[in-house]
Amino acid sequence: MKKELDAYLAYLRHERNASPHTISSYKIDLSQLAAYLEARKLKLPQVDNVVLRGFLVELYQKKLTKTSAARKLAAIRSFFEYCVRRKWVEDNPAKVVATPRLDRHVPRFLSEDEMVKLLEVPPSDDALGLRDRAILEFFYATGIRVSELVGADLDDISLDEKMVRVRGKGKKERLVPFGRKAAASLEAYLRVRPSFPLVLGEPAVFLNYQGTRLTSRSIQRLVTKYFKLAALRTKISPHALRHSFATHLLSRGADLRVIQELLGHESLATTQKYTHVDVKHLLDVYRKAHPRARSSS
């Protein structure tokens, strides 16, 4: 299965434009399946739904969570779809394996007050501080993914129109607006960007101290550092800025389909996890909107 797995990972990297995190996760998940098949001397064409269920049962016996099982099954389905297209197998055996029913988790996000506190932490009197402030402002203003922020090039951003061209999953492009605060922070950073040891022709917007493109891991460390400095919850990921973007838009009345477009979600169902607006807001909207909710004077 090694040859097929290598080809599939190359396909994810070069044709699907999958993030490094996704590729790494899929490699781990599918390598586990490959080891399971090798131990039983099974080839790909011999894999059926019974074999895959046996693989999952073994993982459950090792205390695998439902979330991890669902992710591994998604990786296996995608891999076998690729194998079908390449005619390495006749059918996708993972199609008939049921995905574990997951508990619905509310995405973690920052309140508007916490967000303001976080954005004010990076110093504005040195180049790295201006870069970091621009990253946080841009993150929150656009709701883009870490991989999309890392991939942003100078040519993708229009400060005049306050728009950024984002290359998302599957090489799909979308235009996302940003506000004047993010624009001002970007302008301040771009003025000092030449002070970084620039690598000739480096197109990336956000540079590290060596003058090359920041990595997703660097962005994660940077955001975590400012979470701690702002005395906010430390056990929260950079993805919380994306969740905060969507939550705050929704709580202020933005249409769910607009948020879907801004986030680059293919399915509205993915965006609907943000409908966890706090109860007070829901009650306020209900009382203002429903004709019989207000007491008569």
Protein backbone atom coordinates (compact mmCIF):
# COMPACT_ATOMS: atom_id res chain seq x y z
CA MET A 1 0.00 0.00 0.00
CA LYS A 2 3.04 2.28 0.32
CA LYS A 3 3.12 3.17 -3.38
CA GLU A 4 -0.60 4.00 -3.43
CA LEU A 5 -0.36 5.99 -0.18
CA ASP A 6 2.59 8.06 -1.46
CA ALA A 7 0.67 8.83 -4.67
CA TYR A 8 -2.41 9.85 -2.70
CA LEU A 9 -0.45 12.17 -0.39
CA ALA A 10 1.21 13.78 -3.42
CA TYR A 11 -2.27 14.26 -4.91
CA LEU A 12 -3.46 15.97 -1.71
CA ARG A 13 -0.41 18.22 -1.68
CA HIS A 14 -0.22 19.24 -5.32
CA GLU A 15 -3.76 18.94 -6.69
CA ARG A 16 -6.04 19.43 -3.70
CA ASN A 17 -3.82 22.09 -2.08
CA ALA A 18 -4.47 20.45 1.31
CA SER A 19 -2.88 22.03 4.37
CA PRO A 20 0.30 20.48 5.85
CA HIS A 21 -1.72 19.60 8.96
CA THR A 22 -4.32 17.69 6.90
CA ILE A 23 -1.64 15.83 4.94
CA SER A 24 0.18 14.89 8.15
CA SER A 25 -3.03 13.65 9.81
CA TYR A 26 -4.08 11.61 6.76
CA LYS A 27 -0.60 10.09 6.51
CA ILE A 28 -0.75 8.95 10.14
CA ASP A 29 -4.30 7.56 9.80
CA LEU A 30 -3.64 5.70 6.55
CA SER A 31 -0.28 4.39 7.73
CA GLN A 32 -2.11 2.76 10.64
CA LEU A 33 -4.45 1.09 8.16
CA ALA A 34 -1.48 0.00 6.03
CA ALA A 35 0.16 -1.62 9.08
CA TYR A 36 -3.12 -3.39 9.93
CA LEU A 37 -3.41 -4.79 6.39
CA GLU A 38 0.25 -5.79 6.24
CA ALA A 39 -0.05 -7.74 9.52
CA ARG A 40 -2.89 -9.72 7.93
CA LYS A 41 -1.15 -10.03 4.53
CA LEU A 42 -4.06 -8.25 2.81
CA LYS A 43 -3.72 -6.30 -0.46
CA LEU A 44 -5.84 -3.27 -1.34
CA PRO A 45 -8.25 -5.14 -3.66
CA GLN A 46 -8.98 -7.55 -0.79
CA VAL A 47 -10.17 -4.81 1.56
CA ASP A 48 -13.92 -4.79 2.13
CA ASN A 49 -16.24 -3.22 4.70
CA VAL A 50 -15.70 -6.18 7.08
CA VAL A 51 -11.94 -5.58 7.07
CA LEU A 52 -12.42 -1.87 7.75
CA ARG A 53 -14.85 -2.54 10.59
CA GLY A 54 -12.27 -4.91 12.09
CA PHE A 55 -9.67 -2.14 11.84
CA LEU A 56 -11.97 0.28 13.69
CA VAL A 57 -12.83 -2.32 16.35
CA GLU A 58 -9.13 -2.77 17.05
CA LEU A 59 -8.74 1.00 17.42
CA TYR A 60 -11.76 1.20 19.75
CA GLN A 61 -10.14 -1.48 21.91
CA LYS A 62 -7.17 0.89 22.21
CA LYS A 63 -9.53 3.57 23.60
CA LEU A 64 -9.84 5.55 20.37
CA THR A 65 -12.30 8.46 20.70
CA LYS A 66 -15.32 8.84 18.41
CA THR A 67 -13.83 12.02 16.95
CA SER A 68 -10.57 10.26 16.04
CA ALA A 69 -12.46 7.30 14.58
CA ALA A 70 -14.58 9.62 12.42
CA ARG A 71 -11.46 11.43 11.18
CA LYS A 72 -9.71 8.17 10.30
CA LEU A 73 -12.79 6.90 8.49
CA ALA A 74 -12.97 10.15 6.50
CA ALA A 75 -9.32 9.71 5.50
CA ILE A 76 -9.96 6.10 4.47
CA ARG A 77 -13.03 7.05 2.40
CA SER A 78 -11.11 9.76 0.60
CA PHE A 79 -8.15 7.44 -0.04
CA PHE A 80 -10.33 4.69 -1.51
CA GLU A 81 -12.20 7.19 -3.70
CA TYR A 82 -8.81 8.13 -5.11
CA CYS A 83 -7.97 4.43 -5.57
CA VAL A 84 -11.24 3.87 -7.46
CA ARG A 85 -10.44 6.76 -9.82
CA ARG A 86 -6.99 5.30 -10.43
CA LYS A 87 -8.63 1.87 -11.01
CA TRP A 88 -6.56 0.24 -8.29
CA VAL A 89 -9.76 -1.06 -6.68
CA GLU A 90 -13.25 -1.60 -8.08
CA ASP A 91 -15.28 -0.01 -5.31
CA ASN A 92 -14.92 2.07 -2.14
CA PRO A 93 -15.50 -0.30 0.82
CA ALA A 94 -15.58 2.60 3.30
CA LYS A 95 -18.82 3.98 1.82
CA VAL A 96 -20.94 1.47 3.72
CA VAL A 97 -19.09 1.82 7.05
CA ALA A 98 -21.14 4.06 9.32
CA THR A 99 -19.48 7.13 10.81
CA PRO A 100 -19.67 7.20 14.63
CA ARG A 101 -22.31 9.59 15.94
CA LEU A 102 -20.39 12.51 17.43
CA ASP A 103 -21.28 14.68 20.36
CA ARG A 104 -21.82 18.20 19.10
CA HIS A 105 -19.20 20.52 20.53
CA VAL A 106 -19.56 24.29 20.58
CA PRO A 107 -16.47 25.88 18.99
CA ARG A 108 -14.34 27.78 21.48
CA PHE A 109 -14.19 31.50 20.84
CA LEU A 110 -13.31 34.79 22.51
CA SER A 111 -15.83 37.38 23.61
CA GLU A 112 -15.65 40.80 21.96
CA ASP A 113 -14.01 42.24 25.09
CA GLU A 114 -11.42 39.44 25.15
CA MET A 115 -10.75 40.01 21.48
CA VAL A 116 -10.08 43.72 22.02
CA LYS A 117 -7.74 42.88 24.89
CA LEU A 118 -5.81 40.40 22.72
CA LEU A 119 -5.43 42.79 19.78
CA GLU A 120 -3.91 45.46 22.02
CA VAL A 121 -1.11 43.24 23.37
CA PRO A 122 1.51 43.28 20.55
CA PRO A 123 3.87 46.28 20.86
CA SER A 124 3.65 48.96 18.19
CA ASP A 125 7.20 50.31 18.55
CA ASP A 126 9.16 47.58 16.75
CA ALA A 127 8.92 45.66 13.48
CA LEU A 128 8.03 42.26 14.98
CA GLY A 129 5.36 43.81 17.18
CA LEU A 130 3.82 45.59 14.19
CA ARG A 131 3.88 42.33 12.23
CA ASP A 132 2.24 40.42 15.07
CA ARG A 133 -0.45 43.08 15.54
CA ALA A 134 -1.18 42.97 11.80
CA ILE A 135 -1.44 39.17 11.91
CA LEU A 136 -3.94 39.20 14.79
CA GLU A 137 -6.01 42.03 13.30
CA PHE A 138 -6.02 40.37 9.88
CA PHE A 139 -6.92 37.00 11.36
CA TYR A 140 -9.89 38.43 13.23
CA ALA A 141 -10.99 40.73 10.38
CA THR A 142 -11.13 37.96 7.76
CA GLY A 143 -11.75 34.70 9.64
CA ILE A 144 -9.33 32.90 7.31
CA ARG A 145 -7.61 29.64 8.23
CA VAL A 146 -4.03 29.55 9.54
CA SER A 147 -2.86 27.91 6.30
CA GLU A 148 -4.62 30.60 4.26
CA LEU A 149 -3.00 33.39 6.26
CA VAL A 150 0.43 31.79 5.84
CA GLY A 151 -0.19 31.44 2.09
CA ALA A 152 -1.18 35.09 1.57
CA ASP A 153 1.08 36.95 -0.90
CA LEU A 154 1.52 40.68 -1.37
CA ASP A 155 -0.34 40.53 -4.70
CA ASP A 156 -3.36 38.99 -2.95
CA ILE A 157 -4.07 42.07 -0.84
CA SER A 158 -5.65 45.33 -1.95
CA LEU A 159 -5.43 47.96 0.78
CA ASP A 160 -7.43 50.43 -1.33
CA GLU A 161 -10.38 48.06 -1.71
CA LYS A 162 -9.74 46.36 1.65
CA MET A 163 -10.01 42.92 0.06
CA VAL A 164 -7.83 39.81 0.13
CA ARG A 165 -7.82 36.94 -2.36
CA VAL A 166 -7.72 33.70 -0.40
CA ARG A 167 -6.66 30.32 -1.76
CA GLY A 168 -8.58 27.81 0.28
CA LYS A 169 -9.06 24.07 0.32
CA GLY A 170 -9.01 22.35 -3.06
CA LYS A 171 -7.31 25.40 -4.62
CA LYS A 172 -10.62 27.26 -4.48
CA GLU A 173 -10.27 31.03 -4.41
CA ARG A 174 -12.55 33.53 -2.70
CA LEU A 175 -12.47 37.25 -1.98
CA VAL A 176 -12.75 38.30 1.65
CA PRO A 177 -13.13 41.92 2.86
CA PHE A 178 -11.41 43.39 5.91
CA GLY A 179 -12.02 46.57 7.88
CA ARG A 180 -10.12 49.78 8.44
CA LYS A 181 -8.46 48.59 11.69
CA ALA A 182 -6.92 45.61 9.91
CA ALA A 183 -5.99 47.83 6.94
CA ALA A 184 -4.25 50.33 9.25
CA SER A 185 -2.31 47.54 11.00
CA LEU A 186 -1.29 46.04 7.65
CA GLU A 187 -0.12 49.41 6.34
CA ALA A 188 1.96 49.97 9.49
CA TYR A 189 3.55 46.53 9.13
CA LEU A 190 4.19 46.86 5.39
CA ARG A 191 6.07 50.11 6.02
CA VAL A 192 8.56 48.23 8.22
CA ARG A 193 8.55 44.99 6.21
CA PRO A 194 11.67 46.09 4.24
CA SER A 195 13.57 46.11 7.57
CA PHE A 196 13.32 42.29 7.63
CA PRO A 197 16.28 40.50 5.97
CA LEU A 198 14.32 40.10 2.74
CA VAL A 199 14.94 37.08 0.55
CA LEU A 200 14.94 38.20 -3.09
CA GLY A 201 11.53 37.71 -4.66
CA GLU A 202 9.82 36.48 -1.46
CA PRO A 203 6.12 37.19 -2.14
CA ALA A 204 4.74 36.32 1.32
CA VAL A 205 2.95 39.05 3.25
CA PHE A 206 4.05 37.85 6.67
CA LEU A 207 7.77 37.15 7.14
CA ASN A 208 9.83 35.56 9.88
CA TYR A 209 13.03 37.08 11.26
CA GLN A 210 14.97 35.40 8.42
CA GLY A 211 12.89 37.16 5.78
CA THR A 212 11.04 34.07 4.56
CA ARG A 213 7.40 33.01 4.79
CA LEU A 214 6.07 32.25 8.25
CA THR A 215 4.93 28.67 8.80
CA SER A 216 1.61 27.52 10.27
CA ARG A 217 3.47 26.30 13.35
CA SER A 218 5.07 29.73 13.83
CA ILE A 219 1.65 31.40 13.62
CA GLN A 220 0.27 28.98 16.19
CA ARG A 221 3.13 29.71 18.59
CA LEU A 222 2.73 33.45 18.04
CA VAL A 223 -1.02 33.43 18.74
CA THR A 224 -0.61 31.21 21.81
CA LYS A 225 2.03 33.61 23.16
CA TYR A 226 -0.33 36.58 22.93
CA PHE A 227 -3.19 34.59 24.46
CA LYS A 228 -0.95 34.10 27.50
CA LEU A 229 0.28 37.70 27.59
CA ALA A 230 -3.32 38.93 27.46
CA ALA A 231 -4.06 36.63 30.43
CA LEU A 232 -6.73 34.85 28.40
CA ARG A 233 -7.46 31.14 28.33
CA THR A 234 -4.23 29.40 27.37
CA LYS A 235 -5.83 26.12 26.29
CA ILE A 236 -7.32 27.57 23.14
CA SER A 237 -6.07 27.26 19.56
CA PRO A 238 -5.43 29.95 16.92
CA HIS A 239 -8.55 28.57 15.22
CA ALA A 240 -10.45 30.37 18.01
CA LEU A 241 -9.90 33.62 16.09
CA ARG A 242 -11.77 32.13 13.12
CA HIS A 243 -14.52 30.96 15.46
CA SER A 244 -14.65 34.41 17.07
CA PHE A 245 -14.95 36.08 13.66
CA ALA A 246 -17.94 33.91 12.71
CA THR A 247 -19.60 34.11 16.12
CA HIS A 248 -19.37 37.89 16.37
CA LEU A 249 -20.71 38.38 12.83
CA LEU A 250 -23.64 36.09 13.57
CA SER A 251 -24.43 37.72 16.91
CA ARG A 252 -24.59 41.11 15.18
CA GLY A 253 -27.09 39.89 12.60
CA ALA A 254 -25.02 38.65 9.65
CA ASP A 255 -26.73 36.11 7.41
CA LEU A 256 -25.49 32.56 7.85
CA ARG A 257 -24.96 32.10 4.08
CA VAL A 258 -22.77 35.21 3.95
CA ILE A 259 -20.68 33.81 6.79
CA GLN A 260 -20.47 30.51 4.90
CA GLU A 261 -19.06 32.33 1.86
CA LEU A 262 -16.57 34.32 3.94
CA LEU A 263 -15.31 31.20 5.73
CA GLY A 264 -15.05 29.21 2.51
CA HIS A 265 -17.27 26.37 3.71
CA GLU A 266 -18.67 24.11 1.00
CA SER A 267 -21.65 23.10 3.12
CA LEU A 268 -23.96 25.33 5.12
CA ALA A 269 -24.15 22.54 7.70
CA THR A 270 -20.49 23.21 8.55
CA THR A 271 -21.26 26.86 9.19
CA GLN A 272 -24.29 26.08 11.34
CA LYS A 273 -22.08 25.11 14.27
CA TYR A 274 -21.74 28.85 14.84
CA THR A 275 -25.43 29.23 15.66
CA HIS A 276 -24.60 28.88 19.33
CA VAL A 277 -25.27 32.59 19.93
CA ASP A 278 -25.64 33.32 23.64
CA VAL A 279 -29.10 33.03 25.16
CA LYS A 280 -29.29 36.72 26.07
CA HIS A 281 -28.83 37.72 22.43
CA LEU A 282 -31.44 35.21 21.27
CA LEU A 283 -33.94 36.54 23.81
CA ASP A 284 -33.24 40.15 22.80
CA VAL A 285 -33.80 39.35 19.12
CA TYR A 286 -36.94 37.37 19.92
CA ARG A 287 -38.44 40.12 22.07
CA LYS A 288 -37.76 42.77 19.46
CA ALA A 289 -38.89 40.71 16.48
CA HIS A 290 -41.90 38.66 17.58
CA PRO A 291 -45.16 40.65 17.41
CA ARG A 292 -46.59 39.08 20.58
CA ALA A 293 -43.39 38.88 22.64
CA ARG A 294 -43.62 42.40 24.11
CA SER A 295 -46.08 43.22 26.81
CA SER A 296 -48.75 45.70 25.78
CA SER A 297 -48.46 49.15 27.32
